[in-house]
Amino acid sequence: MKKRMLARDLGGQSRKPQVLLDGLIIYGQELGDLGKQLERLLRRRGVRSSMDPAFVSRYH
């Protein structure tokens, strides 16, 4: 358990916020204003989407 937490701390943030942001981008029209607000909050906290051009070019 401790090794897993340490690996997460060393490896950066968890993937859960990134997956949530990706889903908000994909289903943004269905979610409306709430989806836009959640996306804005996640981006303010530094979460990057796997669909962002800078992220894709750096990691793929």
N, C-alpha and C. Protein backbone atom coordinates (compact mmCIF):
# COMPACT_ATOMS: atom_id res chain seq x y z
N MET A 1 0.82 -1.19 0.00
CA MET A 1 0.00 0.00 0.00
C MET A 1 0.87 1.25 0.00
N LYS A 2 1.88 1.27 0.87
CA LYS A 2 2.74 2.45 0.94
C LYS A 2 3.52 2.65 -0.35
N LYS A 3 3.95 1.55 -0.96
CA LYS A 3 4.69 1.65 -2.22
C LYS A 3 3.82 2.26 -3.30
N ARG A 4 2.56 1.87 -3.31
CA ARG A 4 1.63 2.39 -4.32
C ARG A 4 1.43 3.90 -4.13
N MET A 5 1.27 4.34 -2.90
CA MET A 5 1.10 5.77 -2.62
C MET A 5 2.38 6.53 -2.96
N LEU A 6 3.52 5.96 -2.65
CA LEU A 6 4.79 6.60 -2.97
C LEU A 6 4.97 6.71 -4.47
N ALA A 7 4.61 5.67 -5.20
CA ALA A 7 4.73 5.72 -6.66
C ALA A 7 3.82 6.80 -7.23
N ARG A 8 2.64 6.96 -6.67
CA ARG A 8 1.74 8.00 -7.15
C ARG A 8 2.34 9.38 -6.87
N ASP A 9 2.94 9.55 -5.67
CA ASP A 9 3.55 10.84 -5.34
C ASP A 9 4.72 11.15 -6.26
N LEU A 10 5.52 10.15 -6.57
CA LEU A 10 6.67 10.36 -7.42
C LEU A 10 6.27 10.54 -8.88
N GLY A 11 5.24 9.85 -9.30
CA GLY A 11 4.82 9.87 -10.69
C GLY A 11 3.95 11.05 -11.05
N GLY A 12 3.58 11.85 -10.12
CA GLY A 12 2.71 12.99 -10.41
C GLY A 12 1.30 12.72 -9.97
N GLN A 13 0.38 13.44 -10.57
CA GLN A 13 -1.01 13.35 -10.15
C GLN A 13 -1.66 12.06 -10.63
N SER A 14 -2.75 11.74 -10.00
CA SER A 14 -3.54 10.58 -10.38
C SER A 14 -4.16 10.79 -11.75
N ARG A 15 -4.49 9.71 -12.43
CA ARG A 15 -5.11 9.81 -13.76
C ARG A 15 -6.61 10.11 -13.68
N LYS A 16 -7.22 9.95 -12.51
CA LYS A 16 -8.66 10.14 -12.40
C LYS A 16 -9.10 11.54 -12.83
N PRO A 17 -8.46 12.62 -12.37
CA PRO A 17 -8.88 13.94 -12.84
C PRO A 17 -8.73 14.11 -14.35
N GLN A 18 -7.69 13.52 -14.91
CA GLN A 18 -7.47 13.62 -16.36
C GLN A 18 -8.57 12.89 -17.12
N VAL A 19 -8.96 11.72 -16.65
CA VAL A 19 -10.03 10.96 -17.30
C VAL A 19 -11.36 11.71 -17.18
N LEU A 20 -11.59 12.33 -16.02
CA LEU A 20 -12.80 13.13 -15.84
C LEU A 20 -12.83 14.30 -16.81
N LEU A 21 -11.71 14.99 -16.96
CA LEU A 21 -11.64 16.12 -17.88
C LEU A 21 -11.87 15.65 -19.32
N ASP A 22 -11.29 14.53 -19.70
CA ASP A 22 -11.52 13.99 -21.05
C ASP A 22 -13.01 13.73 -21.28
N GLY A 23 -13.67 13.15 -20.29
CA GLY A 23 -15.10 12.88 -20.41
C GLY A 23 -15.92 14.15 -20.51
N LEU A 24 -15.51 15.17 -19.76
CA LEU A 24 -16.22 16.45 -19.84
C LEU A 24 -16.07 17.09 -21.21
N ILE A 25 -14.91 16.92 -21.82
CA ILE A 25 -14.70 17.47 -23.16
C ILE A 25 -15.55 16.71 -24.17
N ILE A 26 -15.57 15.40 -24.06
CA ILE A 26 -16.32 14.57 -25.02
C ILE A 26 -17.82 14.81 -24.89
N TYR A 27 -18.33 14.85 -23.67
CA TYR A 27 -19.78 14.97 -23.45
C TYR A 27 -20.18 16.39 -23.05
N GLY A 28 -19.39 17.37 -23.41
CA GLY A 28 -19.63 18.75 -23.01
C GLY A 28 -20.98 19.30 -23.43
N GLN A 29 -21.41 19.00 -24.63
CA GLN A 29 -22.69 19.54 -25.10
C GLN A 29 -23.86 18.97 -24.30
N GLU A 30 -23.80 17.70 -23.96
CA GLU A 30 -24.88 17.09 -23.19
C GLU A 30 -24.94 17.62 -21.76
N LEU A 31 -23.78 17.99 -21.21
CA LEU A 31 -23.73 18.46 -19.82
C LEU A 31 -24.02 19.95 -19.68
N GLY A 32 -23.86 20.69 -20.75
CA GLY A 32 -24.19 22.11 -20.74
C GLY A 32 -23.26 22.94 -19.87
N ASP A 33 -23.84 23.90 -19.16
CA ASP A 33 -23.06 24.84 -18.35
C ASP A 33 -22.32 24.17 -17.20
N LEU A 34 -22.94 23.16 -16.61
CA LEU A 34 -22.28 22.45 -15.51
C LEU A 34 -20.98 21.81 -15.98
N GLY A 35 -21.01 21.19 -17.15
CA GLY A 35 -19.80 20.59 -17.71
C GLY A 35 -18.72 21.61 -17.97
N LYS A 36 -19.10 22.78 -18.46
CA LYS A 36 -18.13 23.85 -18.72
C LYS A 36 -17.51 24.35 -17.43
N GLN A 37 -18.33 24.49 -16.38
CA GLN A 37 -17.81 24.94 -15.09
C GLN A 37 -16.85 23.92 -14.49
N LEU A 38 -17.21 22.64 -14.57
CA LEU A 38 -16.32 21.61 -14.05
C LEU A 38 -15.01 21.56 -14.82
N GLU A 39 -15.08 21.68 -16.14
CA GLU A 39 -13.87 21.70 -16.96
C GLU A 39 -12.98 22.87 -16.57
N ARG A 40 -13.57 24.02 -16.39
CA ARG A 40 -12.82 25.22 -16.01
C ARG A 40 -12.13 25.03 -14.66
N LEU A 41 -12.85 24.45 -13.69
CA LEU A 41 -12.26 24.22 -12.37
C LEU A 41 -11.09 23.24 -12.44
N LEU A 42 -11.24 22.17 -13.19
CA LEU A 42 -10.15 21.20 -13.32
C LEU A 42 -8.93 21.83 -13.97
N ARG A 43 -9.14 22.63 -15.00
CA ARG A 43 -8.01 23.27 -15.68
C ARG A 43 -7.32 24.28 -14.77
N ARG A 44 -8.08 24.97 -13.93
CA ARG A 44 -7.47 25.90 -12.97
C ARG A 44 -6.57 25.17 -11.99
N ARG A 45 -6.95 23.93 -11.66
CA ARG A 45 -6.15 23.13 -10.72
C ARG A 45 -4.95 22.47 -11.40
N GLY A 46 -4.78 22.73 -12.69
CA GLY A 46 -3.61 22.22 -13.39
C GLY A 46 -3.80 20.88 -14.08
N VAL A 47 -5.02 20.39 -14.14
CA VAL A 47 -5.29 19.11 -14.81
C VAL A 47 -5.22 19.33 -16.32
N ARG A 48 -4.51 18.45 -17.00
CA ARG A 48 -4.39 18.52 -18.46
C ARG A 48 -5.14 17.35 -19.08
N SER A 49 -5.78 17.60 -20.19
CA SER A 49 -6.50 16.56 -20.91
C SER A 49 -5.54 15.82 -21.83
N SER A 50 -5.81 14.55 -22.06
CA SER A 50 -4.98 13.80 -23.01
C SER A 50 -5.28 14.25 -24.44
N MET A 51 -6.31 15.07 -24.62
CA MET A 51 -6.65 15.58 -25.95
C MET A 51 -6.05 16.95 -26.23
N ASP A 52 -5.39 17.55 -25.24
CA ASP A 52 -4.73 18.84 -25.45
C ASP A 52 -3.54 18.66 -26.37
N PRO A 53 -3.35 19.52 -27.37
CA PRO A 53 -2.24 19.37 -28.32
C PRO A 53 -0.87 19.32 -27.65
N ALA A 54 -0.64 20.15 -26.65
CA ALA A 54 0.67 20.17 -25.99
C ALA A 54 0.91 18.85 -25.26
N PHE A 55 -0.11 18.31 -24.64
CA PHE A 55 0.02 17.04 -23.92
C PHE A 55 0.29 15.90 -24.89
N VAL A 56 -0.44 15.87 -25.98
CA VAL A 56 -0.30 14.79 -26.97
C VAL A 56 1.09 14.80 -27.58
N SER A 57 1.59 15.97 -27.96
CA SER A 57 2.91 16.04 -28.60
C SER A 57 4.04 15.69 -27.63
N ARG A 58 3.83 15.93 -26.35
CA ARG A 58 4.87 15.66 -25.37
C ARG A 58 4.93 14.19 -24.98
N TYR A 59 3.79 13.51 -24.91
CA TYR A 59 3.75 12.15 -24.39
C TYR A 59 3.53 11.08 -25.43
N HIS A 60 3.30 11.45 -26.69
CA HIS A 60 3.05 10.43 -27.71
C HIS A 60 4.02 10.53 -28.84
